[in-house]
Amino acid sequence: LPGVNVPTLKELGIDVEIGNWRGVYGAPGISEEQ
């Protein structure tokens, strides 16, 4: 990571990469306009 001096799992010989994304949802049954 930029500015972060921490090794990746891949650097350590462990072939794992996974990201955590976040978002937002609206309520059920709202109109297309809403």
ModelCIF file with pLDDT and N, C-alpha, C, O atoms, coordinates in Angstrom:
data_MODEL
#
_entry.id   MODEL 
#
_entity.id                         1 
_entity.type                       polymer 
_entity.pdbx_number_of_molecules   1 
#
_entity_poly.entity_id                      1 
_entity_poly.type                           'polypeptide(L)' 
_entity_poly.nstd_linkage                   no 
_entity_poly.nstd_monomer                   no 
_entity_poly.pdbx_seq_one_letter_code       LPGVNVPTLKELGIDVEIGNWRGVYGAPGISEEQ 
_entity_poly.pdbx_seq_one_letter_code_can   LPGVNVPTLKELGIDVEIGNWRGVYGAPGISEEQ 
_entity_poly.pdbx_strand_id                 A 
#
loop_
_entity_poly_seq.entity_id 
_entity_poly_seq.num 
_entity_poly_seq.mon_id 
_entity_poly_seq.hetero 
1 1  LEU n 
1 2  PRO n 
1 3  GLY n 
1 4  VAL n 
1 5  ASN n 
1 6  VAL n 
1 7  PRO n 
1 8  THR n 
1 9  LEU n 
1 10 LYS n 
1 11 GLU n 
1 12 LEU n 
1 13 GLY n 
1 14 ILE n 
1 15 ASP n 
1 16 VAL n 
1 17 GLU n 
1 18 ILE n 
1 19 GLY n 
1 20 ASN n 
1 21 TRP n 
1 22 ARG n 
1 23 GLY n 
1 24 VAL n 
1 25 TYR n 
1 26 GLY n 
1 27 ALA n 
1 28 PRO n 
1 29 GLY n 
1 30 ILE n 
1 31 SER n 
1 32 GLU n 
1 33 GLU n 
1 34 GLN n 
#
_struct_asym.id          A 
_struct_asym.entity_id   1 
#
loop_
_ma_qa_metric.id 
_ma_qa_metric.mode 
_ma_qa_metric.name 
_ma_qa_metric.software_group_id 
_ma_qa_metric.type 
1 global pLDDT . pLDDT 
2 local  pLDDT . pLDDT 
#
_ma_qa_metric_global.metric_id      1 
_ma_qa_metric_global.metric_value   94.85 
_ma_qa_metric_global.model_id       1 
_ma_qa_metric_global.ordinal_id     1 
#
loop_
_ma_qa_metric_local.label_asym_id 
_ma_qa_metric_local.label_comp_id 
_ma_qa_metric_local.label_seq_id 
_ma_qa_metric_local.metric_id 
_ma_qa_metric_local.metric_value 
_ma_qa_metric_local.model_id 
_ma_qa_metric_local.ordinal_id 
A LEU 1  2 89.00 1 1  
A PRO 2  2 85.00 1 2  
A GLY 3  2 84.00 1 3  
A VAL 4  2 89.00 1 4  
A ASN 5  2 92.00 1 5  
A VAL 6  2 96.00 1 6  
A PRO 7  2 98.00 1 7  
A THR 8  2 97.00 1 8  
A LEU 9  2 98.00 1 9  
A LYS 10 2 97.00 1 10 
A GLU 11 2 97.00 1 11 
A LEU 12 2 97.00 1 12 
A GLY 13 2 97.00 1 13 
A ILE 14 2 98.00 1 14 
A ASP 15 2 96.00 1 15 
A VAL 16 2 95.00 1 16 
A GLU 17 2 92.00 1 17 
A ILE 18 2 91.00 1 18 
A GLY 19 2 87.00 1 19 
A ASN 20 2 90.00 1 20 
A TRP 21 2 94.00 1 21 
A ARG 22 2 96.00 1 22 
A GLY 23 2 98.00 1 23 
A VAL 24 2 98.00 1 24 
A TYR 25 2 98.00 1 25 
A GLY 26 2 98.00 1 26 
A ALA 27 2 98.00 1 27 
A PRO 28 2 98.00 1 28 
A GLY 29 2 97.00 1 29 
A ILE 30 2 98.00 1 30 
A SER 31 2 97.00 1 31 
A GLU 32 2 97.00 1 32 
A GLU 33 2 96.00 1 33 
A GLN 34 2 97.00 1 34 
#
loop_
_atom_site.group_PDB 
_atom_site.id 
_atom_site.type_symbol 
_atom_site.label_atom_id 
_atom_site.label_alt_id 
_atom_site.label_comp_id 
_atom_site.label_asym_id 
_atom_site.label_entity_id 
_atom_site.label_seq_id 
_atom_site.pdbx_PDB_ins_code 
_atom_site.Cartn_x 
_atom_site.Cartn_y 
_atom_site.Cartn_z 
_atom_site.occupancy 
_atom_site.B_iso_or_equiv 
_atom_site.pdbx_formal_charge 
_atom_site.auth_seq_id 
_atom_site.auth_comp_id 
_atom_site.auth_asym_id 
_atom_site.auth_atom_id 
_atom_site.pdbx_PDB_model_num 
ATOM 1   N N  . LEU A 1 1  ? 0.834   -1.189  0.000   1.00 89.00 ? 1  LEU A N  1 
ATOM 2   C CA . LEU A 1 1  ? 0.000   0.000   0.000   1.00 89.00 ? 1  LEU A CA 1 
ATOM 3   C C  . LEU A 1 1  ? 0.873   1.244   0.000   1.00 89.00 ? 1  LEU A C  1 
ATOM 4   O O  . LEU A 1 1  ? 1.930   1.249   0.630   1.00 89.00 ? 1  LEU A O  1 
ATOM 5   N N  . PRO A 1 2  ? 0.452   2.306   -0.697  1.00 85.00 ? 2  PRO A N  1 
ATOM 6   C CA . PRO A 1 2  ? 1.253   3.529   -0.764  1.00 85.00 ? 2  PRO A CA 1 
ATOM 7   C C  . PRO A 1 2  ? 1.571   4.081   0.626   1.00 85.00 ? 2  PRO A C  1 
ATOM 8   O O  . PRO A 1 2  ? 0.674   4.298   1.440   1.00 85.00 ? 2  PRO A O  1 
ATOM 9   N N  . GLY A 1 3  ? 2.854   4.302   0.882   1.00 84.00 ? 3  GLY A N  1 
ATOM 10  C CA . GLY A 1 3  ? 3.273   4.878   2.145   1.00 84.00 ? 3  GLY A CA 1 
ATOM 11  C C  . GLY A 1 3  ? 3.187   3.930   3.327   1.00 84.00 ? 3  GLY A C  1 
ATOM 12  O O  . GLY A 1 3  ? 3.365   4.345   4.472   1.00 84.00 ? 3  GLY A O  1 
ATOM 13  N N  . VAL A 1 4  ? 2.914   2.655   3.057   1.00 89.00 ? 4  VAL A N  1 
ATOM 14  C CA . VAL A 1 4  ? 2.778   1.675   4.143   1.00 89.00 ? 4  VAL A CA 1 
ATOM 15  C C  . VAL A 1 4  ? 3.842   0.595   3.974   1.00 89.00 ? 4  VAL A C  1 
ATOM 16  O O  . VAL A 1 4  ? 3.816   -0.158  3.001   1.00 89.00 ? 4  VAL A O  1 
ATOM 17  N N  . ASN A 1 5  ? 4.763   0.520   4.904   1.00 92.00 ? 5  ASN A N  1 
ATOM 18  C CA . ASN A 1 5  ? 5.872   -0.434  4.798   1.00 92.00 ? 5  ASN A CA 1 
ATOM 19  C C  . ASN A 1 5  ? 5.512   -1.775  5.437   1.00 92.00 ? 5  ASN A C  1 
ATOM 20  O O  . ASN A 1 5  ? 6.101   -2.199  6.432   1.00 92.00 ? 5  ASN A O  1 
ATOM 21  N N  . VAL A 1 6  ? 4.518   -2.424  4.822   1.00 96.00 ? 6  VAL A N  1 
ATOM 22  C CA . VAL A 1 6  ? 4.066   -3.727  5.305   1.00 96.00 ? 6  VAL A CA 1 
ATOM 23  C C  . VAL A 1 6  ? 4.053   -4.681  4.113   1.00 96.00 ? 6  VAL A C  1 
ATOM 24  O O  . VAL A 1 6  ? 3.484   -4.346  3.074   1.00 96.00 ? 6  VAL A O  1 
ATOM 25  N N  . PRO A 1 7  ? 4.665   -5.865  4.234   1.00 98.00 ? 7  PRO A N  1 
ATOM 26  C CA . PRO A 1 7  ? 4.731   -6.785  3.091   1.00 98.00 ? 7  PRO A CA 1 
ATOM 27  C C  . PRO A 1 7  ? 3.372   -7.360  2.730   1.00 98.00 ? 7  PRO A C  1 
ATOM 28  O O  . PRO A 1 7  ? 2.504   -7.514  3.590   1.00 98.00 ? 7  PRO A O  1 
ATOM 29  N N  . THR A 1 8  ? 3.194   -7.676  1.459   1.00 97.00 ? 8  THR A N  1 
ATOM 30  C CA . THR A 1 8  ? 1.984   -8.348  1.021   1.00 97.00 ? 8  THR A CA 1 
ATOM 31  C C  . THR A 1 8  ? 2.109   -9.838  1.328   1.00 97.00 ? 8  THR A C  1 
ATOM 32  O O  . THR A 1 8  ? 3.211   -10.357 1.504   1.00 97.00 ? 8  THR A O  1 
ATOM 33  N N  . LEU A 1 9  ? 0.968   -10.517 1.389   1.00 98.00 ? 9  LEU A N  1 
ATOM 34  C CA . LEU A 1 9  ? 0.999   -11.961 1.589   1.00 98.00 ? 9  LEU A CA 1 
ATOM 35  C C  . LEU A 1 9  ? 1.754   -12.644 0.453   1.00 98.00 ? 9  LEU A C  1 
ATOM 36  O O  . LEU A 1 9  ? 2.465   -13.628 0.657   1.00 98.00 ? 9  LEU A O  1 
ATOM 37  N N  . LYS A 1 10 ? 1.580   -12.092 -0.753  1.00 97.00 ? 10 LYS A N  1 
ATOM 38  C CA . LYS A 1 10 ? 2.275   -12.686 -1.905  1.00 97.00 ? 10 LYS A CA 1 
ATOM 39  C C  . LYS A 1 10 ? 3.795   -12.577 -1.761  1.00 97.00 ? 10 LYS A C  1 
ATOM 40  O O  . LYS A 1 10 ? 4.528   -13.499 -2.120  1.00 97.00 ? 10 LYS A O  1 
ATOM 41  N N  . GLU A 1 11 ? 4.260   -11.443 -1.234  1.00 97.00 ? 11 GLU A N  1 
ATOM 42  C CA . GLU A 1 11 ? 5.699   -11.290 -0.972  1.00 97.00 ? 11 GLU A CA 1 
ATOM 43  C C  . GLU A 1 11 ? 6.205   -12.363 -0.018  1.00 97.00 ? 11 GLU A C  1 
ATOM 44  O O  . GLU A 1 11 ? 7.345   -12.818 -0.115  1.00 97.00 ? 11 GLU A O  1 
ATOM 45  N N  . LEU A 1 12 ? 5.335   -12.756 0.900   1.00 97.00 ? 12 LEU A N  1 
ATOM 46  C CA . LEU A 1 12 ? 5.716   -13.731 1.922   1.00 97.00 ? 12 LEU A CA 1 
ATOM 47  C C  . LEU A 1 12 ? 5.545   -15.165 1.435   1.00 97.00 ? 12 LEU A C  1 
ATOM 48  O O  . LEU A 1 12 ? 5.707   -16.112 2.205   1.00 97.00 ? 12 LEU A O  1 
ATOM 49  N N  . GLY A 1 13 ? 5.218   -15.322 0.160   1.00 97.00 ? 13 GLY A N  1 
ATOM 50  C CA . GLY A 1 13 ? 5.083   -16.654 -0.414  1.00 97.00 ? 13 GLY A CA 1 
ATOM 51  C C  . GLY A 1 13 ? 3.723   -17.276 -0.221  1.00 97.00 ? 13 GLY A C  1 
ATOM 52  O O  . GLY A 1 13 ? 3.559   -18.479 -0.424  1.00 97.00 ? 13 GLY A O  1 
ATOM 53  N N  . ILE A 1 14 ? 2.723   -16.466 0.176   1.00 98.00 ? 14 ILE A N  1 
ATOM 54  C CA . ILE A 1 14 ? 1.355   -16.959 0.369   1.00 98.00 ? 14 ILE A CA 1 
ATOM 55  C C  . ILE A 1 14 ? 0.485   -16.312 -0.708  1.00 98.00 ? 14 ILE A C  1 
ATOM 56  O O  . ILE A 1 14 ? 0.230   -15.109 -0.654  1.00 98.00 ? 14 ILE A O  1 
ATOM 57  N N  . ASP A 1 15 ? 0.035   -17.085 -1.667  1.00 96.00 ? 15 ASP A N  1 
ATOM 58  C CA . ASP A 1 15 ? -0.649  -16.543 -2.843  1.00 96.00 ? 15 ASP A CA 1 
ATOM 59  C C  . ASP A 1 15 ? -2.111  -16.187 -2.525  1.00 96.00 ? 15 ASP A C  1 
ATOM 60  O O  . ASP A 1 15 ? -3.039  -16.868 -2.960  1.00 96.00 ? 15 ASP A O  1 
ATOM 61  N N  . VAL A 1 16 ? -2.285  -15.119 -1.767  1.00 95.00 ? 16 VAL A N  1 
ATOM 62  C CA . VAL A 1 16 ? -3.622  -14.658 -1.376  1.00 95.00 ? 16 VAL A CA 1 
ATOM 63  C C  . VAL A 1 16 ? -3.726  -13.161 -1.627  1.00 95.00 ? 16 VAL A C  1 
ATOM 64  O O  . VAL A 1 16 ? -2.861  -12.387 -1.217  1.00 95.00 ? 16 VAL A O  1 
ATOM 65  N N  . GLU A 1 17 ? -4.803  -12.766 -2.309  1.00 92.00 ? 17 GLU A N  1 
ATOM 66  C CA . GLU A 1 17 ? -5.101  -11.350 -2.533  1.00 92.00 ? 17 GLU A CA 1 
ATOM 67  C C  . GLU A 1 17 ? -6.621  -11.194 -2.458  1.00 92.00 ? 17 GLU A C  1 
ATOM 68  O O  . GLU A 1 17 ? -7.356  -11.893 -3.155  1.00 92.00 ? 17 GLU A O  1 
ATOM 69  N N  . ILE A 1 18 ? -7.083  -10.284 -1.618  1.00 91.00 ? 18 ILE A N  1 
ATOM 70  C CA . ILE A 1 18 ? -8.520  -10.060 -1.498  1.00 91.00 ? 18 ILE A CA 1 
ATOM 71  C C  . ILE A 1 18 ? -8.774  -8.628  -1.031  1.00 91.00 ? 18 ILE A C  1 
ATOM 72  O O  . ILE A 1 18 ? -8.101  -8.133  -0.127  1.00 91.00 ? 18 ILE A O  1 
ATOM 73  N N  . GLY A 1 19 ? -9.747  -7.972  -1.652  1.00 87.00 ? 19 GLY A N  1 
ATOM 74  C CA . GLY A 1 19 ? -10.061 -6.583  -1.311  1.00 87.00 ? 19 GLY A CA 1 
ATOM 75  C C  . GLY A 1 19 ? -11.400 -6.472  -0.609  1.00 87.00 ? 19 GLY A C  1 
ATOM 76  O O  . GLY A 1 19 ? -12.234 -7.376  -0.665  1.00 87.00 ? 19 GLY A O  1 
ATOM 77  N N  . ASN A 1 20 ? -11.584 -5.343  0.052   1.00 90.00 ? 20 ASN A N  1 
ATOM 78  C CA . ASN A 1 20 ? -12.825 -5.089  0.792   1.00 90.00 ? 20 ASN A CA 1 
ATOM 79  C C  . ASN A 1 20 ? -13.444 -3.795  0.270   1.00 90.00 ? 20 ASN A C  1 
ATOM 80  O O  . ASN A 1 20 ? -12.972 -2.704  0.586   1.00 90.00 ? 20 ASN A O  1 
ATOM 81  N N  . TRP A 1 21 ? -14.508 -3.921  -0.533  1.00 94.00 ? 21 TRP A N  1 
ATOM 82  C CA . TRP A 1 21 ? -15.164 -2.736  -1.072  1.00 94.00 ? 21 TRP A CA 1 
ATOM 83  C C  . TRP A 1 21 ? -16.416 -2.419  -0.257  1.00 94.00 ? 21 TRP A C  1 
ATOM 84  O O  . TRP A 1 21 ? -16.978 -3.290  0.406   1.00 94.00 ? 21 TRP A O  1 
ATOM 85  N N  . ARG A 1 22 ? -16.841 -1.151  -0.320  1.00 96.00 ? 22 ARG A N  1 
ATOM 86  C CA . ARG A 1 22 ? -18.042 -0.726  0.402   1.00 96.00 ? 22 ARG A CA 1 
ATOM 87  C C  . ARG A 1 22 ? -18.929 0.105   -0.508  1.00 96.00 ? 22 ARG A C  1 
ATOM 88  O O  . ARG A 1 22 ? -18.449 0.790   -1.411  1.00 96.00 ? 22 ARG A O  1 
ATOM 89  N N  . GLY A 1 23 ? -20.232 0.035   -0.258  1.00 98.00 ? 23 GLY A N  1 
ATOM 90  C CA . GLY A 1 23 ? -21.169 0.795   -1.068  1.00 98.00 ? 23 GLY A CA 1 
ATOM 91  C C  . GLY A 1 23 ? -22.433 1.108   -0.296  1.00 98.00 ? 23 GLY A C  1 
ATOM 92  O O  . GLY A 1 23 ? -22.485 0.935   0.922   1.00 98.00 ? 23 GLY A O  1 
ATOM 93  N N  . VAL A 1 24 ? -23.455 1.570   -1.005  1.00 98.00 ? 24 VAL A N  1 
ATOM 94  C CA . VAL A 1 24 ? -24.736 1.879   -0.370  1.00 98.00 ? 24 VAL A CA 1 
ATOM 95  C C  . VAL A 1 24 ? -25.892 1.352   -1.223  1.00 98.00 ? 24 VAL A C  1 
ATOM 96  O O  . VAL A 1 24 ? -25.817 1.316   -2.451  1.00 98.00 ? 24 VAL A O  1 
ATOM 97  N N  . TYR A 1 25 ? -26.958 0.945   -0.538  1.00 98.00 ? 25 TYR A N  1 
ATOM 98  C CA . TYR A 1 25 ? -28.187 0.480   -1.166  1.00 98.00 ? 25 TYR A CA 1 
ATOM 99  C C  . TYR A 1 25 ? -29.335 1.363   -0.702  1.00 98.00 ? 25 TYR A C  1 
ATOM 100 O O  . TYR A 1 25 ? -29.285 1.962   0.372   1.00 98.00 ? 25 TYR A O  1 
ATOM 101 N N  . GLY A 1 26 ? -30.380 1.433   -1.542  1.00 98.00 ? 26 GLY A N  1 
ATOM 102 C CA . GLY A 1 26 ? -31.606 2.111   -1.175  1.00 98.00 ? 26 GLY A CA 1 
ATOM 103 C C  . GLY A 1 26 ? -32.627 1.099   -0.686  1.00 98.00 ? 26 GLY A C  1 
ATOM 104 O O  . GLY A 1 26 ? -32.387 -0.108  -0.705  1.00 98.00 ? 26 GLY A O  1 
ATOM 105 N N  . ALA A 1 27 ? -33.760 1.605   -0.253  1.00 98.00 ? 27 ALA A N  1 
ATOM 106 C CA . ALA A 1 27 ? -34.807 0.752   0.312   1.00 98.00 ? 27 ALA A CA 1 
ATOM 107 C C  . ALA A 1 27 ? -35.482 -0.117  -0.756  1.00 98.00 ? 27 ALA A C  1 
ATOM 108 O O  . ALA A 1 27 ? -35.387 0.177   -1.947  1.00 98.00 ? 27 ALA A O  1 
ATOM 109 N N  . PRO A 1 28 ? -36.161 -1.187  -0.330  1.00 98.00 ? 28 PRO A N  1 
ATOM 110 C CA . PRO A 1 28 ? -36.930 -2.007  -1.273  1.00 98.00 ? 28 PRO A CA 1 
ATOM 111 C C  . PRO A 1 28 ? -38.094 -1.196  -1.842  1.00 98.00 ? 28 PRO A C  1 
ATOM 112 O O  . PRO A 1 28 ? -38.645 -0.327  -1.166  1.00 98.00 ? 28 PRO A O  1 
ATOM 113 N N  . GLY A 1 29 ? -38.456 -1.484  -3.073  1.00 97.00 ? 29 GLY A N  1 
ATOM 114 C CA . GLY A 1 29 ? -39.682 -0.944  -3.644  1.00 97.00 ? 29 GLY A CA 1 
ATOM 115 C C  . GLY A 1 29 ? -39.672 0.523   -3.999  1.00 97.00 ? 29 GLY A C  1 
ATOM 116 O O  . GLY A 1 29 ? -40.737 1.095   -4.230  1.00 97.00 ? 29 GLY A O  1 
ATOM 117 N N  . ILE A 1 30 ? -38.503 1.166   -4.052  1.00 98.00 ? 30 ILE A N  1 
ATOM 118 C CA . ILE A 1 30 ? -38.500 2.573   -4.465  1.00 98.00 ? 30 ILE A CA 1 
ATOM 119 C C  . ILE A 1 30 ? -38.614 2.652   -5.991  1.00 98.00 ? 30 ILE A C  1 
ATOM 120 O O  . ILE A 1 30 ? -38.259 1.710   -6.699  1.00 98.00 ? 30 ILE A O  1 
ATOM 121 N N  . SER A 1 31 ? -39.110 3.782   -6.481  1.00 97.00 ? 31 SER A N  1 
ATOM 122 C CA . SER A 1 31 ? -39.288 3.954   -7.922  1.00 97.00 ? 31 SER A CA 1 
ATOM 123 C C  . SER A 1 31 ? -37.946 4.224   -8.593  1.00 97.00 ? 31 SER A C  1 
ATOM 124 O O  . SER A 1 31 ? -36.953 4.524   -7.930  1.00 97.00 ? 31 SER A O  1 
ATOM 125 N N  . GLU A 1 32 ? -37.933 4.113   -9.909  1.00 97.00 ? 32 GLU A N  1 
ATOM 126 C CA . GLU A 1 32 ? -36.718 4.405   -10.668 1.00 97.00 ? 32 GLU A CA 1 
ATOM 127 C C  . GLU A 1 32 ? -36.318 5.864   -10.467 1.00 97.00 ? 32 GLU A C  1 
ATOM 128 O O  . GLU A 1 32 ? -35.130 6.180   -10.397 1.00 97.00 ? 32 GLU A O  1 
ATOM 129 N N  . GLU A 1 33 ? -37.305 6.748   -10.374 1.00 96.00 ? 33 GLU A N  1 
ATOM 130 C CA . GLU A 1 33 ? -37.008 8.169   -10.147 1.00 96.00 ? 33 GLU A CA 1 
ATOM 131 C C  . GLU A 1 33 ? -36.360 8.376   -8.788  1.00 96.00 ? 33 GLU A C  1 
ATOM 132 O O  . GLU A 1 33 ? -35.421 9.162   -8.661  1.00 96.00 ? 33 GLU A O  1 
ATOM 133 N N  . GLN A 1 34 ? -36.856 7.676   -7.770  1.00 97.00 ? 34 GLN A N  1 
ATOM 134 C CA . GLN A 1 34 ? -36.264 7.782   -6.433  1.00 97.00 ? 34 GLN A CA 1 
ATOM 135 C C  . GLN A 1 34 ? -34.842 7.225   -6.423  1.00 97.00 ? 34 GLN A C  1 
ATOM 136 O O  . GLN A 1 34 ? -34.184 7.229   -5.382  1.00 97.00 ? 34 GLN A O  1 
#
